[in-house]
Amino acid sequence: EVPQKSKDENILQIAVRQRIKLFYRPADLPGDVGQAPSRLQWRMVPKDGKPGLEVRNDSAFHISFSSVNLKNGSNNYPIPAEMLPPYSSQSFVIEGASSLAPGGATKIEFESIDDDGLAVQHSSNISS
């Protein structure tokens, strides 16, 4: 929106519109919000005939991601995860991956956003 013209000279007016994500968290939720991202369960699942990844959140907390990357050997595949609701799971196609190296060479590196708005780095193994 454009601010109204000021009656005074030499006045700078700026209109700002902000959107802030706000969560109400009841005091009696089970578990620890700080531990929720590190307890996510990641596993490989085919999706639409392509390599896929599933993440499961068994906590009572929403988990917001700033980045998620699948590391497979020397390859890096970004995953378009944004937010995972409590007690839910999401599946993603791993774009650009025709096949993945088996074994311990595959892991997930991600950043979650904590209550202070800071990105916290995590690393997790993938179960089969």
N, C-alpha and C. Protein backbone atom coordinates (compact mmCIF):
# COMPACT_ATOMS: atom_id res chain seq x y z
N GLU A 1 0.85 -1.17 0.00
CA GLU A 1 0.00 0.00 0.00
C GLU A 1 0.89 1.22 0.00
N VAL A 2 0.39 2.30 -0.51
CA VAL A 2 1.14 3.55 -0.57
C VAL A 2 0.66 4.46 0.56
N PRO A 3 1.58 4.98 1.37
CA PRO A 3 1.16 5.86 2.47
C PRO A 3 0.54 7.15 1.93
N GLN A 4 -0.30 7.77 2.73
CA GLN A 4 -0.89 9.04 2.33
C GLN A 4 0.20 10.10 2.26
N LYS A 5 -0.05 11.09 1.44
CA LYS A 5 0.91 12.17 1.30
C LYS A 5 0.94 13.00 2.58
N SER A 6 2.14 13.26 3.07
CA SER A 6 2.31 14.02 4.30
C SER A 6 2.04 15.50 4.04
N LYS A 7 1.51 16.18 5.05
CA LYS A 7 1.27 17.62 4.95
C LYS A 7 2.56 18.40 5.16
N ASP A 8 3.53 17.79 5.83
CA ASP A 8 4.82 18.42 6.07
C ASP A 8 5.79 18.08 4.95
N GLU A 9 6.74 18.96 4.74
CA GLU A 9 7.77 18.70 3.74
C GLU A 9 8.91 17.91 4.39
N ASN A 10 9.74 17.30 3.58
CA ASN A 10 10.91 16.54 4.02
C ASN A 10 10.55 15.40 4.98
N ILE A 11 9.49 14.69 4.67
CA ILE A 11 9.06 13.54 5.46
C ILE A 11 9.16 12.30 4.59
N LEU A 12 9.77 11.27 5.13
CA LEU A 12 9.85 9.98 4.43
C LEU A 12 8.90 9.02 5.12
N GLN A 13 7.97 8.48 4.37
CA GLN A 13 7.03 7.51 4.91
C GLN A 13 7.24 6.18 4.19
N ILE A 14 7.24 5.12 4.97
CA ILE A 14 7.43 3.78 4.42
C ILE A 14 6.33 2.88 4.95
N ALA A 15 5.72 2.13 4.05
CA ALA A 15 4.72 1.14 4.45
C ALA A 15 5.38 -0.23 4.42
N VAL A 16 5.23 -0.98 5.49
CA VAL A 16 5.85 -2.31 5.60
C VAL A 16 4.78 -3.33 5.92
N ARG A 17 4.84 -4.45 5.24
CA ARG A 17 3.93 -5.56 5.53
C ARG A 17 4.80 -6.77 5.87
N GLN A 18 4.61 -7.32 7.04
CA GLN A 18 5.38 -8.47 7.47
C GLN A 18 4.44 -9.61 7.80
N ARG A 19 4.95 -10.82 7.57
CA ARG A 19 4.22 -12.02 7.97
C ARG A 19 5.12 -12.79 8.92
N ILE A 20 4.56 -13.12 10.05
CA ILE A 20 5.31 -13.83 11.07
C ILE A 20 4.58 -15.12 11.40
N LYS A 21 5.33 -16.23 11.36
CA LYS A 21 4.75 -17.51 11.73
C LYS A 21 4.69 -17.59 13.25
N LEU A 22 3.51 -17.86 13.77
CA LEU A 22 3.32 -17.90 15.21
C LEU A 22 2.69 -19.24 15.58
N PHE A 23 3.28 -19.89 16.55
CA PHE A 23 2.76 -21.15 17.06
C PHE A 23 2.44 -20.99 18.53
N TYR A 24 1.28 -21.46 18.91
CA TYR A 24 0.94 -21.54 20.32
C TYR A 24 1.31 -22.94 20.77
N ARG A 25 2.09 -23.04 21.83
CA ARG A 25 2.52 -24.35 22.32
C ARG A 25 2.00 -24.52 23.75
N PRO A 26 1.06 -25.44 23.95
CA PRO A 26 0.58 -25.70 25.32
C PRO A 26 1.74 -26.15 26.21
N ALA A 27 1.67 -25.81 27.46
CA ALA A 27 2.75 -26.11 28.41
C ALA A 27 2.90 -27.60 28.68
N ASP A 28 1.86 -28.39 28.48
CA ASP A 28 1.92 -29.80 28.87
C ASP A 28 2.22 -30.76 27.71
N LEU A 29 2.83 -30.28 26.62
CA LEU A 29 3.18 -31.20 25.53
C LEU A 29 4.27 -32.17 25.99
N PRO A 30 4.16 -33.44 25.61
CA PRO A 30 5.19 -34.40 26.02
C PRO A 30 6.47 -34.23 25.21
N GLY A 31 7.60 -34.43 25.87
CA GLY A 31 8.89 -34.38 25.18
C GLY A 31 9.56 -33.02 25.31
N ASP A 32 10.68 -32.90 24.59
CA ASP A 32 11.52 -31.70 24.63
C ASP A 32 11.62 -31.14 23.22
N VAL A 33 11.22 -29.89 23.01
CA VAL A 33 11.25 -29.28 21.69
C VAL A 33 12.66 -29.25 21.11
N GLY A 34 13.67 -29.09 21.95
CA GLY A 34 15.06 -29.05 21.47
C GLY A 34 15.55 -30.38 20.95
N GLN A 35 14.98 -31.48 21.42
CA GLN A 35 15.40 -32.82 20.99
C GLN A 35 14.59 -33.34 19.81
N ALA A 36 13.46 -32.72 19.50
CA ALA A 36 12.57 -33.23 18.45
C ALA A 36 13.25 -33.38 17.08
N PRO A 37 14.03 -32.40 16.57
CA PRO A 37 14.64 -32.58 15.25
C PRO A 37 15.63 -33.74 15.19
N SER A 38 16.37 -33.96 16.25
CA SER A 38 17.36 -35.05 16.23
C SER A 38 16.70 -36.42 16.35
N ARG A 39 15.41 -36.47 16.68
CA ARG A 39 14.71 -37.75 16.80
C ARG A 39 13.89 -38.10 15.56
N LEU A 40 14.00 -37.28 14.50
CA LEU A 40 13.30 -37.60 13.26
C LEU A 40 13.81 -38.92 12.70
N GLN A 41 12.93 -39.67 12.06
CA GLN A 41 13.29 -40.95 11.45
C GLN A 41 13.27 -40.78 9.93
N TRP A 42 14.40 -41.06 9.29
CA TRP A 42 14.55 -40.93 7.84
C TRP A 42 14.72 -42.31 7.24
N ARG A 43 14.06 -42.57 6.11
CA ARG A 43 14.25 -43.84 5.42
C ARG A 43 14.04 -43.68 3.93
N MET A 44 14.70 -44.54 3.17
CA MET A 44 14.58 -44.54 1.71
C MET A 44 13.32 -45.30 1.32
N VAL A 45 12.51 -44.70 0.48
CA VAL A 45 11.31 -45.35 -0.05
C VAL A 45 11.15 -44.93 -1.50
N PRO A 46 10.84 -45.87 -2.39
CA PRO A 46 10.60 -45.47 -3.78
C PRO A 46 9.31 -44.65 -3.87
N LYS A 47 9.33 -43.64 -4.72
CA LYS A 47 8.14 -42.81 -4.92
C LYS A 47 8.00 -42.55 -6.41
N ASP A 48 6.86 -42.94 -6.95
CA ASP A 48 6.59 -42.79 -8.39
C ASP A 48 7.67 -43.46 -9.24
N GLY A 49 8.18 -44.60 -8.79
CA GLY A 49 9.19 -45.35 -9.52
C GLY A 49 10.58 -44.74 -9.47
N LYS A 50 10.79 -43.73 -8.63
CA LYS A 50 12.09 -43.07 -8.51
C LYS A 50 12.57 -43.20 -7.07
N PRO A 51 13.87 -43.00 -6.84
CA PRO A 51 14.35 -43.01 -5.45
C PRO A 51 13.65 -41.92 -4.65
N GLY A 52 13.25 -42.27 -3.45
CA GLY A 52 12.54 -41.32 -2.60
C GLY A 52 13.01 -41.38 -1.17
N LEU A 53 12.59 -40.39 -0.42
CA LEU A 53 12.98 -40.26 0.98
C LEU A 53 11.73 -39.96 1.79
N GLU A 54 11.61 -40.62 2.94
CA GLU A 54 10.50 -40.36 3.85
C GLU A 54 11.05 -39.92 5.19
N VAL A 55 10.41 -38.91 5.78
CA VAL A 55 10.79 -38.46 7.12
C VAL A 55 9.55 -38.56 8.00
N ARG A 56 9.75 -39.07 9.22
CA ARG A 56 8.65 -39.26 10.17
C ARG A 56 8.95 -38.48 11.44
N ASN A 57 7.93 -37.75 11.92
CA ASN A 57 8.04 -36.97 13.14
C ASN A 57 7.10 -37.59 14.17
N ASP A 58 7.65 -38.29 15.15
CA ASP A 58 6.85 -38.91 16.21
C ASP A 58 6.77 -38.04 17.46
N SER A 59 7.11 -36.77 17.33
CA SER A 59 7.04 -35.86 18.48
C SER A 59 5.76 -35.02 18.42
N ALA A 60 5.52 -34.28 19.48
CA ALA A 60 4.34 -33.41 19.57
C ALA A 60 4.62 -32.00 19.05
N PHE A 61 5.76 -31.82 18.36
CA PHE A 61 6.18 -30.48 17.94
C PHE A 61 6.27 -30.36 16.42
N HIS A 62 5.90 -29.18 15.90
CA HIS A 62 6.15 -28.86 14.50
C HIS A 62 7.66 -28.67 14.34
N ILE A 63 8.20 -29.14 13.23
CA ILE A 63 9.62 -28.96 12.96
C ILE A 63 9.74 -28.22 11.63
N SER A 64 10.36 -27.04 11.68
CA SER A 64 10.57 -26.23 10.48
C SER A 64 12.00 -26.41 10.01
N PHE A 65 12.16 -26.60 8.70
CA PHE A 65 13.48 -26.81 8.10
C PHE A 65 13.91 -25.57 7.34
N SER A 66 15.20 -25.24 7.42
CA SER A 66 15.74 -24.22 6.53
C SER A 66 16.45 -24.87 5.36
N SER A 67 16.96 -26.09 5.54
CA SER A 67 17.53 -26.85 4.42
C SER A 67 17.59 -28.33 4.78
N VAL A 68 17.47 -29.17 3.76
CA VAL A 68 17.61 -30.62 3.91
C VAL A 68 18.40 -31.12 2.71
N ASN A 69 19.46 -31.87 2.96
CA ASN A 69 20.29 -32.42 1.88
C ASN A 69 20.57 -33.89 2.13
N LEU A 70 20.40 -34.68 1.08
CA LEU A 70 20.76 -36.09 1.11
C LEU A 70 22.17 -36.20 0.58
N LYS A 71 23.07 -36.75 1.38
CA LYS A 71 24.46 -36.96 0.97
C LYS A 71 24.62 -38.43 0.62
N ASN A 72 25.04 -38.71 -0.62
CA ASN A 72 25.25 -40.07 -1.08
C ASN A 72 26.61 -40.13 -1.75
N GLY A 73 27.60 -40.64 -1.00
CA GLY A 73 28.96 -40.63 -1.52
C GLY A 73 29.41 -39.18 -1.68
N SER A 74 29.83 -38.81 -2.88
CA SER A 74 30.24 -37.43 -3.14
C SER A 74 29.10 -36.59 -3.71
N ASN A 75 27.92 -37.18 -3.87
CA ASN A 75 26.77 -36.45 -4.43
C ASN A 75 25.92 -35.83 -3.33
N ASN A 76 25.33 -34.70 -3.67
CA ASN A 76 24.47 -33.96 -2.74
C ASN A 76 23.14 -33.70 -3.44
N TYR A 77 22.03 -34.10 -2.81
CA TYR A 77 20.71 -33.91 -3.38
C TYR A 77 19.86 -33.07 -2.43
N PRO A 78 19.48 -31.84 -2.83
CA PRO A 78 18.61 -31.03 -1.97
C PRO A 78 17.19 -31.60 -1.95
N ILE A 79 16.58 -31.57 -0.78
CA ILE A 79 15.22 -32.07 -0.58
C ILE A 79 14.34 -30.87 -0.23
N PRO A 80 13.17 -30.72 -0.87
CA PRO A 80 12.34 -29.52 -0.67
C PRO A 80 11.45 -29.57 0.57
N ALA A 81 11.99 -29.91 1.71
CA ALA A 81 11.20 -29.96 2.96
C ALA A 81 11.11 -28.56 3.55
N GLU A 82 9.94 -28.22 4.11
CA GLU A 82 9.76 -26.92 4.74
C GLU A 82 9.35 -27.06 6.20
N MET A 83 8.23 -27.76 6.46
CA MET A 83 7.77 -27.94 7.83
C MET A 83 7.10 -29.30 7.95
N LEU A 84 7.32 -29.95 9.08
CA LEU A 84 6.74 -31.26 9.34
C LEU A 84 5.88 -31.18 10.59
N PRO A 85 4.56 -31.41 10.45
CA PRO A 85 3.66 -31.34 11.61
C PRO A 85 3.92 -32.49 12.59
N PRO A 86 3.40 -32.39 13.80
CA PRO A 86 3.55 -33.45 14.79
C PRO A 86 2.88 -34.75 14.34
N TYR A 87 3.46 -35.85 14.74
CA TYR A 87 2.92 -37.19 14.48
C TYR A 87 2.54 -37.40 13.02
N SER A 88 3.42 -37.01 12.11
CA SER A 88 3.14 -37.15 10.69
C SER A 88 4.40 -37.56 9.95
N SER A 89 4.23 -37.82 8.66
CA SER A 89 5.38 -38.14 7.81
C SER A 89 5.18 -37.47 6.45
N GLN A 90 6.29 -37.26 5.74
CA GLN A 90 6.26 -36.71 4.39
C GLN A 90 7.23 -37.51 3.54
N SER A 91 6.88 -37.66 2.26
CA SER A 91 7.74 -38.35 1.30
C SER A 91 8.14 -37.39 0.19
N PHE A 92 9.36 -37.56 -0.30
CA PHE A 92 9.91 -36.70 -1.35
C PHE A 92 10.60 -37.54 -2.40
N VAL A 93 10.47 -37.15 -3.67
CA VAL A 93 11.26 -37.75 -4.74
C VAL A 93 12.63 -37.09 -4.68
N ILE A 94 13.68 -37.89 -4.83
CA ILE A 94 15.04 -37.36 -4.84
C ILE A 94 15.37 -36.99 -6.28
N GLU A 95 15.21 -35.71 -6.60
CA GLU A 95 15.42 -35.23 -7.97
C GLU A 95 16.87 -35.39 -8.39
N GLY A 96 17.07 -35.89 -9.59
CA GLY A 96 18.41 -36.03 -10.15
C GLY A 96 19.12 -37.30 -9.75
N ALA A 97 18.48 -38.14 -8.95
CA ALA A 97 19.11 -39.39 -8.49
C ALA A 97 18.48 -40.56 -9.25
N SER A 98 19.26 -41.18 -10.12
CA SER A 98 18.74 -42.36 -10.81
C SER A 98 18.96 -43.60 -9.96
N SER A 99 20.06 -43.63 -9.24
CA SER A 99 20.33 -44.71 -8.29
C SER A 99 21.23 -44.16 -7.20
N LEU A 100 21.20 -44.79 -6.05
CA LEU A 100 22.00 -44.33 -4.93
C LEU A 100 22.92 -45.44 -4.47
N ALA A 101 24.13 -45.06 -4.05
CA ALA A 101 25.09 -46.04 -3.55
C ALA A 101 24.56 -46.66 -2.27
N PRO A 102 24.61 -47.99 -2.15
CA PRO A 102 24.09 -48.64 -0.95
C PRO A 102 25.01 -48.45 0.25
N GLY A 103 24.44 -48.79 1.41
CA GLY A 103 25.27 -48.84 2.62
C GLY A 103 25.36 -47.53 3.36
N GLY A 104 26.40 -47.42 4.19
CA GLY A 104 26.57 -46.29 5.09
C GLY A 104 27.02 -45.01 4.41
N ALA A 105 27.15 -45.02 3.08
CA ALA A 105 27.60 -43.82 2.39
C ALA A 105 26.49 -42.78 2.27
N THR A 106 25.27 -43.11 2.67
CA THR A 106 24.14 -42.20 2.54
C THR A 106 23.71 -41.69 3.91
N LYS A 107 23.56 -40.35 4.02
CA LYS A 107 23.07 -39.76 5.26
C LYS A 107 22.35 -38.45 4.95
N ILE A 108 21.64 -37.96 5.93
CA ILE A 108 20.88 -36.72 5.82
C ILE A 108 21.58 -35.63 6.64
N GLU A 109 21.74 -34.48 6.03
CA GLU A 109 22.21 -33.30 6.76
C GLU A 109 21.14 -32.24 6.61
N PHE A 110 20.67 -31.70 7.73
CA PHE A 110 19.60 -30.71 7.66
C PHE A 110 19.76 -29.65 8.73
N GLU A 111 19.08 -28.54 8.51
CA GLU A 111 19.03 -27.46 9.48
C GLU A 111 17.57 -27.25 9.86
N SER A 112 17.32 -27.25 11.16
CA SER A 112 15.99 -26.94 11.67
C SER A 112 16.02 -25.54 12.28
N ILE A 113 14.86 -24.92 12.36
CA ILE A 113 14.76 -23.58 12.93
C ILE A 113 14.23 -23.71 14.35
N ASP A 114 15.00 -23.22 15.32
CA ASP A 114 14.61 -23.36 16.73
C ASP A 114 13.66 -22.24 17.17
N ASP A 115 13.30 -22.23 18.43
CA ASP A 115 12.34 -21.25 18.95
C ASP A 115 12.85 -19.81 18.87
N ASP A 116 14.15 -19.62 18.76
CA ASP A 116 14.71 -18.28 18.66
C ASP A 116 14.90 -17.84 17.21
N GLY A 117 14.51 -18.71 16.25
CA GLY A 117 14.64 -18.39 14.83
C GLY A 117 16.02 -18.70 14.26
N LEU A 118 16.84 -19.41 15.02
CA LEU A 118 18.19 -19.76 14.57
C LEU A 118 18.19 -21.11 13.88
N ALA A 119 19.05 -21.26 12.87
CA ALA A 119 19.20 -22.54 12.18
C ALA A 119 20.17 -23.42 12.96
N VAL A 120 19.73 -24.63 13.29
CA VAL A 120 20.53 -25.58 14.05
C VAL A 120 20.85 -26.76 13.13
N GLN A 121 22.13 -27.09 13.00
CA GLN A 121 22.55 -28.16 12.10
C GLN A 121 22.39 -29.53 12.76
N HIS A 122 21.96 -30.51 11.93
CA HIS A 122 21.79 -31.88 12.36
C HIS A 122 22.29 -32.81 11.27
N SER A 123 22.65 -34.00 11.67
CA SER A 123 23.03 -35.05 10.74
C SER A 123 22.38 -36.34 11.22
N SER A 124 21.89 -37.15 10.29
CA SER A 124 21.19 -38.36 10.68
C SER A 124 21.46 -39.48 9.68
N ASN A 125 21.47 -40.70 10.17
CA ASN A 125 21.58 -41.85 9.29
C ASN A 125 20.21 -42.18 8.73
N ILE A 126 20.20 -42.95 7.66
CA ILE A 126 18.97 -43.34 7.01
C ILE A 126 18.76 -44.82 7.24
N SER A 127 17.55 -45.18 7.70
CA SER A 127 17.23 -46.59 7.87
C SER A 127 16.62 -47.12 6.58
N SER A 128 16.68 -48.42 6.42
CA SER A 128 16.14 -49.01 5.19
C SER A 128 14.79 -49.64 5.43
